[in-house]
Amino acid sequence: MPPRVVLVGLPGTGKSSVGAELARRLGVPFADTDELVTRQTGRSVAEIFERQGEAAFRELEADLIAEALAGFGGVLALGGGAVTTGAVRADLAASGVPVVLLTAGQDELLNRLAPAEPRPLLAGNASDRLAELAAARGGWYAEVATVSIDTGGRSVTEVADLLHRQLIGQAR
């Protein structure tokens, strides 16, 4: 059973928090691919990046996403960079599952990310790195997304409500 919905977007857009709330409303499980990677390897994403590099992480991530797309019946939040892998984009397209792109302005993303654990791809000047990631990934997000929601200025509950209404409308 494929997921009911997949969430994509830059770090800080709310994929994990919105995904968990949406799953609760839908009465289905929630999974975050970064957590799946950590559970399978026993290492954090940052550790994998440091010890094995981004390419090794992306390969592991792509394998886990393919498995989830084939057999996980809930809400799946992908890591922000998952769309950089061609196999992930192809698997998303082939799945037929709604893919929701969550977005927000850069200032809001930086504020949301400030209290969080450091992220490997935002090391250094987080503002510059976030802008670079947005520019590099924007086309890939647009390629895979079937729905886009701006989370800026909205609470997790508001975004989950909006997304829930859109998904219910699509199911009719």
C-alpha atoms as a PDB file:
ATOM      1  CA  MET A   1       0.000   0.000   0.000  1.00  0.00           C
ATOM      2  CA  PRO A   2       1.605   3.313  -1.043  1.00  0.00           C
ATOM      3  CA  PRO A   3       1.575   6.358   1.214  1.00  0.00           C
ATOM      4  CA  ARG A   4      -1.523   8.517   1.150  1.00  0.00           C
ATOM      5  CA  VAL A   5       0.650  11.618   0.738  1.00  0.00           C
ATOM      6  CA  VAL A   6       4.335  12.558   0.524  1.00  0.00           C
ATOM      7  CA  LEU A   7       5.677  15.896   1.802  1.00  0.00           C
ATOM      8  CA  VAL A   8       8.712  17.605   0.280  1.00  0.00           C
ATOM      9  CA  GLY A   9      10.384  20.977   0.780  1.00  0.00           C
ATOM     10  CA  LEU A  10      13.361  22.824   2.149  1.00  0.00           C
ATOM     11  CA  PRO A  11      14.502  22.362   5.740  1.00  0.00           C
ATOM     12  CA  GLY A  12      12.202  24.253   8.106  1.00  0.00           C
ATOM     13  CA  THR A  13       9.098  24.217   5.936  1.00  0.00           C
ATOM     14  CA  GLY A  14       7.301  21.954   8.420  1.00  0.00           C
ATOM     15  CA  LYS A  15       7.401  18.559   6.724  1.00  0.00           C
ATOM     16  CA  SER A  16       7.825  16.593   9.952  1.00  0.00           C
ATOM     17  CA  SER A  17       5.490  18.596  12.181  1.00  0.00           C
ATOM     18  CA  VAL A  18       2.759  19.034   9.556  1.00  0.00           C
ATOM     19  CA  GLY A  19       3.173  15.428   8.457  1.00  0.00           C
ATOM     20  CA  ALA A  20       2.689  14.093  11.977  1.00  0.00           C
ATOM     21  CA  GLU A  21      -0.411  16.244  12.503  1.00  0.00           C
ATOM     22  CA  LEU A  22      -1.870  15.309   9.108  1.00  0.00           C
ATOM     23  CA  ALA A  23      -1.292  11.605   9.790  1.00  0.00           C
ATOM     24  CA  ARG A  24      -3.101  11.961  13.116  1.00  0.00           C
ATOM     25  CA  ARG A  25      -6.094  13.545  11.364  1.00  0.00           C
ATOM     26  CA  LEU A  26      -6.140  10.875   8.666  1.00  0.00           C
ATOM     27  CA  GLY A  27      -5.721   8.070  11.204  1.00  0.00           C
ATOM     28  CA  VAL A  28      -2.638   6.704   9.463  1.00  0.00           C
ATOM     29  CA  PRO A  29       1.023   6.270  10.470  1.00  0.00           C
ATOM     30  CA  PHE A  30       3.634   8.968   9.922  1.00  0.00           C
ATOM     31  CA  ALA A  31       7.240   8.428   8.841  1.00  0.00           C
ATOM     32  CA  ASP A  32      10.118  10.817   8.265  1.00  0.00           C
ATOM     33  CA  THR A  33      12.864   9.497   5.990  1.00  0.00           C
ATOM     34  CA  ASP A  34      15.638  11.056   8.085  1.00  0.00           C
ATOM     35  CA  GLU A  35      14.322   9.102  11.084  1.00  0.00           C
ATOM     36  CA  LEU A  36      14.063   5.931   8.967  1.00  0.00           C
ATOM     37  CA  VAL A  37      17.718   6.326   7.950  1.00  0.00           C
ATOM     38  CA  THR A  38      18.739   6.886  11.568  1.00  0.00           C
ATOM     39  CA  ARG A  39      16.750   3.870  12.763  1.00  0.00           C
ATOM     40  CA  GLN A  40      18.208   1.593  10.080  1.00  0.00           C
ATOM     41  CA  THR A  41      21.829   2.670  10.454  1.00  0.00           C
ATOM     42  CA  GLY A  42      21.985   3.578  14.131  1.00  0.00           C
ATOM     43  CA  ARG A  43      23.665   6.850  13.100  1.00  0.00           C
ATOM     44  CA  SER A  44      22.344  10.381  12.711  1.00  0.00           C
ATOM     45  CA  VAL A  45      22.118  12.038   9.314  1.00  0.00           C
ATOM     46  CA  ALA A  46      24.957  14.363  10.367  1.00  0.00           C
ATOM     47  CA  GLU A  47      27.138  11.361  11.295  1.00  0.00           C
ATOM     48  CA  ILE A  48      26.515   9.685   7.950  1.00  0.00           C
ATOM     49  CA  PHE A  49      27.358  12.894   6.092  1.00  0.00           C
ATOM     50  CA  GLU A  50      30.549  13.294   8.120  1.00  0.00           C
ATOM     51  CA  ARG A  51      31.757   9.685   7.912  1.00  0.00           C
ATOM     52  CA  GLN A  52      30.475   8.491   4.539  1.00  0.00           C
ATOM     53  CA  GLY A  53      29.575  11.647   2.630  1.00  0.00           C
ATOM     54  CA  GLU A  54      26.422  12.965   1.042  1.00  0.00           C
ATOM     55  CA  ALA A  55      26.447  10.503  -1.879  1.00  0.00           C
ATOM     56  CA  ALA A  56      26.305   7.497   0.469  1.00  0.00           C
ATOM     57  CA  PHE A  57      23.514   9.122   2.456  1.00  0.00           C
ATOM     58  CA  ARG A  58      21.487   9.879  -0.702  1.00  0.00           C
ATOM     59  CA  GLU A  59      21.829   6.274  -1.889  1.00  0.00           C
ATOM     60  CA  LEU A  60      20.580   4.918   1.429  1.00  0.00           C
ATOM     61  CA  GLU A  61      17.810   7.515   1.510  1.00  0.00           C
ATOM     62  CA  ALA A  62      16.677   6.616  -2.030  1.00  0.00           C
ATOM     63  CA  ASP A  63      16.478   2.924  -1.147  1.00  0.00           C
ATOM     64  CA  LEU A  64      14.372   3.643   1.936  1.00  0.00           C
ATOM     65  CA  ILE A  65      12.060   5.954  -0.024  1.00  0.00           C
ATOM     66  CA  ALA A  66      11.526   3.279  -2.691  1.00  0.00           C
ATOM     67  CA  GLU A  67      10.611   0.787   0.047  1.00  0.00           C
ATOM     68  CA  ALA A  68       8.237   3.254   1.697  1.00  0.00           C
ATOM     69  CA  LEU A  69       6.553   4.146  -1.597  1.00  0.00           C
ATOM     70  CA  ALA A  70       5.887   0.453  -2.147  1.00  0.00           C
ATOM     71  CA  GLY A  71       4.661  -0.539   1.272  1.00  0.00           C
ATOM     72  CA  PHE A  72       3.958   2.276   3.737  1.00  0.00           C
ATOM     73  CA  GLY A  73       0.347   3.365   4.041  1.00  0.00           C
ATOM     74  CA  GLY A  74       0.606   6.725   5.740  1.00  0.00           C
ATOM     75  CA  VAL A  75       2.071  10.216   5.511  1.00  0.00           C
ATOM     76  CA  LEU A  76       5.717  10.250   4.438  1.00  0.00           C
ATOM     77  CA  ALA A  77       7.979  13.291   4.924  1.00  0.00           C
ATOM     78  CA  LEU A  78      11.102  13.253   2.765  1.00  0.00           C
ATOM     79  CA  GLY A  79      14.374  14.866   3.726  1.00  0.00           C
ATOM     80  CA  GLY A  80      14.811  18.236   2.035  1.00  0.00           C
ATOM     81  CA  GLY A  81      17.424  16.971  -0.408  1.00  0.00           C
ATOM     82  CA  ALA A  82      15.754  13.698  -1.390  1.00  0.00           C
ATOM     83  CA  VAL A  83      14.523  15.235  -4.649  1.00  0.00           C
ATOM     84  CA  THR A  84      18.114  15.743  -5.799  1.00  0.00           C
ATOM     85  CA  THR A  85      18.263  12.016  -6.568  1.00  0.00           C
ATOM     86  CA  GLY A  86      16.857  11.086  -9.964  1.00  0.00           C
ATOM     87  CA  ALA A  87      15.653   7.690  -8.760  1.00  0.00           C
ATOM     88  CA  VAL A  88      13.596   9.342  -6.012  1.00  0.00           C
ATOM     89  CA  ARG A  89      11.971  11.719  -8.503  1.00  0.00           C
ATOM     90  CA  ALA A  90      11.189   8.810 -10.828  1.00  0.00           C
ATOM     91  CA  ASP A  91       9.797   6.710  -7.974  1.00  0.00           C
ATOM     92  CA  LEU A  92       7.579   9.588  -6.834  1.00  0.00           C
ATOM     93  CA  ALA A  93       6.220  10.091 -10.348  1.00  0.00           C
ATOM     94  CA  ALA A  94       5.570   6.375 -10.817  1.00  0.00           C
ATOM     95  CA  SER A  95       3.834   6.046  -7.433  1.00  0.00           C
ATOM     96  CA  GLY A  96       0.872   8.245  -8.312  1.00  0.00           C
ATOM     97  CA  VAL A  97       0.822   9.455  -4.693  1.00  0.00           C
ATOM     98  CA  PRO A  98       0.031  13.133  -4.056  1.00  0.00           C
ATOM     99  CA  VAL A  99       3.292  14.977  -3.425  1.00  0.00           C
ATOM    100  CA  VAL A 100       2.892  18.192  -1.447  1.00  0.00           C
ATOM    101  CA  LEU A 101       5.563  20.870  -1.625  1.00  0.00           C
ATOM    102  CA  LEU A 102       5.691  22.916   1.568  1.00  0.00           C
ATOM    103  CA  THR A 103       7.245  26.357   1.179  1.00  0.00           C
ATOM    104  CA  ALA A 104       8.021  29.403   3.314  1.00  0.00           C
ATOM    105  CA  GLY A 105      10.078  32.587   2.980  1.00  0.00           C
ATOM    106  CA  GLN A 106      13.773  32.451   3.774  1.00  0.00           C
ATOM    107  CA  ASP A 107      13.562  34.631   6.899  1.00  0.00           C
ATOM    108  CA  GLU A 108      10.859  32.423   8.363  1.00  0.00           C
ATOM    109  CA  LEU A 109      12.832  29.275   7.538  1.00  0.00           C
ATOM    110  CA  LEU A 110      15.929  30.666   9.244  1.00  0.00           C
ATOM    111  CA  ASN A 111      13.889  31.549  12.351  1.00  0.00           C
ATOM    112  CA  ARG A 112      12.387  28.067  12.466  1.00  0.00           C
ATOM    113  CA  LEU A 113      15.770  26.396  12.009  1.00  0.00           C
ATOM    114  CA  ALA A 114      17.679  28.535  14.526  1.00  0.00           C
ATOM    115  CA  PRO A 115      16.768  26.478  17.613  1.00  0.00           C
ATOM    116  CA  ALA A 116      17.140  23.127  15.813  1.00  0.00           C
ATOM    117  CA  GLU A 117      20.167  20.868  15.743  1.00  0.00           C
ATOM    118  CA  PRO A 118      22.745  21.932  13.162  1.00  0.00           C
ATOM    119  CA  ARG A 119      22.125  20.501   9.696  1.00  0.00           C
ATOM    120  CA  PRO A 120      25.077  19.347   7.594  1.00  0.00           C
ATOM    121  CA  LEU A 121      24.038  21.189   4.435  1.00  0.00           C
ATOM    122  CA  LEU A 122      23.438  24.469   6.286  1.00  0.00           C
ATOM    123  CA  ALA A 123      26.886  24.620   7.886  1.00  0.00           C
ATOM    124  CA  GLY A 124      28.614  27.979   7.643  1.00  0.00           C
ATOM    125  CA  ASN A 125      26.405  30.893   6.631  1.00  0.00           C
ATOM    126  CA  ALA A 126      22.944  29.331   6.961  1.00  0.00           C
ATOM    127  CA  SER A 127      21.256  32.163   5.071  1.00  0.00           C
ATOM    128  CA  ASP A 128      23.513  31.823   2.036  1.00  0.00           C
ATOM    129  CA  ARG A 129      23.358  28.028   2.122  1.00  0.00           C
ATOM    130  CA  LEU A 130      19.552  28.038   2.356  1.00  0.00           C
ATOM    131  CA  ALA A 131      19.335  30.398  -0.637  1.00  0.00           C
ATOM    132  CA  GLU A 132      21.692  28.113  -2.583  1.00  0.00           C
ATOM    133  CA  LEU A 133      19.610  25.040  -1.711  1.00  0.00           C
ATOM    134  CA  ALA A 134      16.403  26.808  -2.740  1.00  0.00           C
ATOM    135  CA  ALA A 135      17.897  27.771  -6.099  1.00  0.00           C
ATOM    136  CA  ALA A 136      19.393  24.334  -6.727  1.00  0.00           C
ATOM    137  CA  ARG A 137      16.328  22.326  -5.699  1.00  0.00           C
ATOM    138  CA  GLY A 138      13.491  24.571  -6.843  1.00  0.00           C
ATOM    139  CA  GLY A 139      13.078  22.914 -10.233  1.00  0.00           C
ATOM    140  CA  TRP A 140      13.112  19.430  -8.738  1.00  0.00           C
ATOM    141  CA  TYR A 141      10.488  20.363  -6.154  1.00  0.00           C
ATOM    142  CA  ALA A 142       8.283  21.759  -8.917  1.00  0.00           C
ATOM    143  CA  GLU A 143       8.836  18.603 -10.986  1.00  0.00           C
ATOM    144  CA  VAL A 144       7.551  16.240  -8.296  1.00  0.00           C
ATOM    145  CA  ALA A 145       4.896  18.365  -6.573  1.00  0.00           C
ATOM    146  CA  THR A 146       1.211  17.888  -7.308  1.00  0.00           C
ATOM    147  CA  VAL A 147       0.186  20.450  -4.652  1.00  0.00           C
ATOM    148  CA  SER A 148       2.040  23.393  -3.111  1.00  0.00           C
ATOM    149  CA  ILE A 149       1.265  25.052   0.219  1.00  0.00           C
ATOM    150  CA  ASP A 150       2.962  28.108   1.699  1.00  0.00           C
ATOM    151  CA  THR A 151       3.452  27.439   5.409  1.00  0.00           C
ATOM    152  CA  GLY A 152       4.668  30.981   6.078  1.00  0.00           C
ATOM    153  CA  GLY A 153       2.785  32.690   8.886  1.00  0.00           C
ATOM    154  CA  ARG A 154       0.654  29.596   9.483  1.00  0.00           C
ATOM    155  CA  SER A 155       0.619  27.230  12.419  1.00  0.00           C
ATOM    156  CA  VAL A 156       1.101  23.502  12.035  1.00  0.00           C
ATOM    157  CA  THR A 157      -2.626  23.078  12.725  1.00  0.00           C
ATOM    158  CA  GLU A 158      -3.591  25.580  10.030  1.00  0.00           C
ATOM    159  CA  VAL A 159      -1.379  23.925   7.422  1.00  0.00           C
ATOM    160  CA  ALA A 160      -2.603  20.437   8.357  1.00  0.00           C
ATOM    161  CA  ASP A 161      -6.229  21.679   8.117  1.00  0.00           C
ATOM    162  CA  LEU A 162      -5.623  23.195   4.699  1.00  0.00           C
ATOM    163  CA  LEU A 163      -3.823  20.128   3.413  1.00  0.00           C
ATOM    164  CA  HIS A 164      -6.431  17.765   4.850  1.00  0.00           C
ATOM    165  CA  ARG A 165      -9.218  19.683   3.074  1.00  0.00           C
ATOM    166  CA  GLN A 166      -7.277  19.601  -0.219  1.00  0.00           C
ATOM    167  CA  LEU A 167      -6.594  15.871   0.043  1.00  0.00           C
ATOM    168  CA  ILE A 168     -10.210  15.063   0.901  1.00  0.00           C
ATOM    169  CA  GLY A 169     -11.314  17.168  -2.083  1.00  0.00           C
ATOM    170  CA  GLN A 170      -8.932  15.248  -4.392  1.00  0.00           C
ATOM    171  CA  ALA A 171     -10.278  11.914  -3.189  1.00  0.00           C
ATOM    172  CA  ARG A 172     -13.814  12.706  -4.363  1.00  0.00           C
END
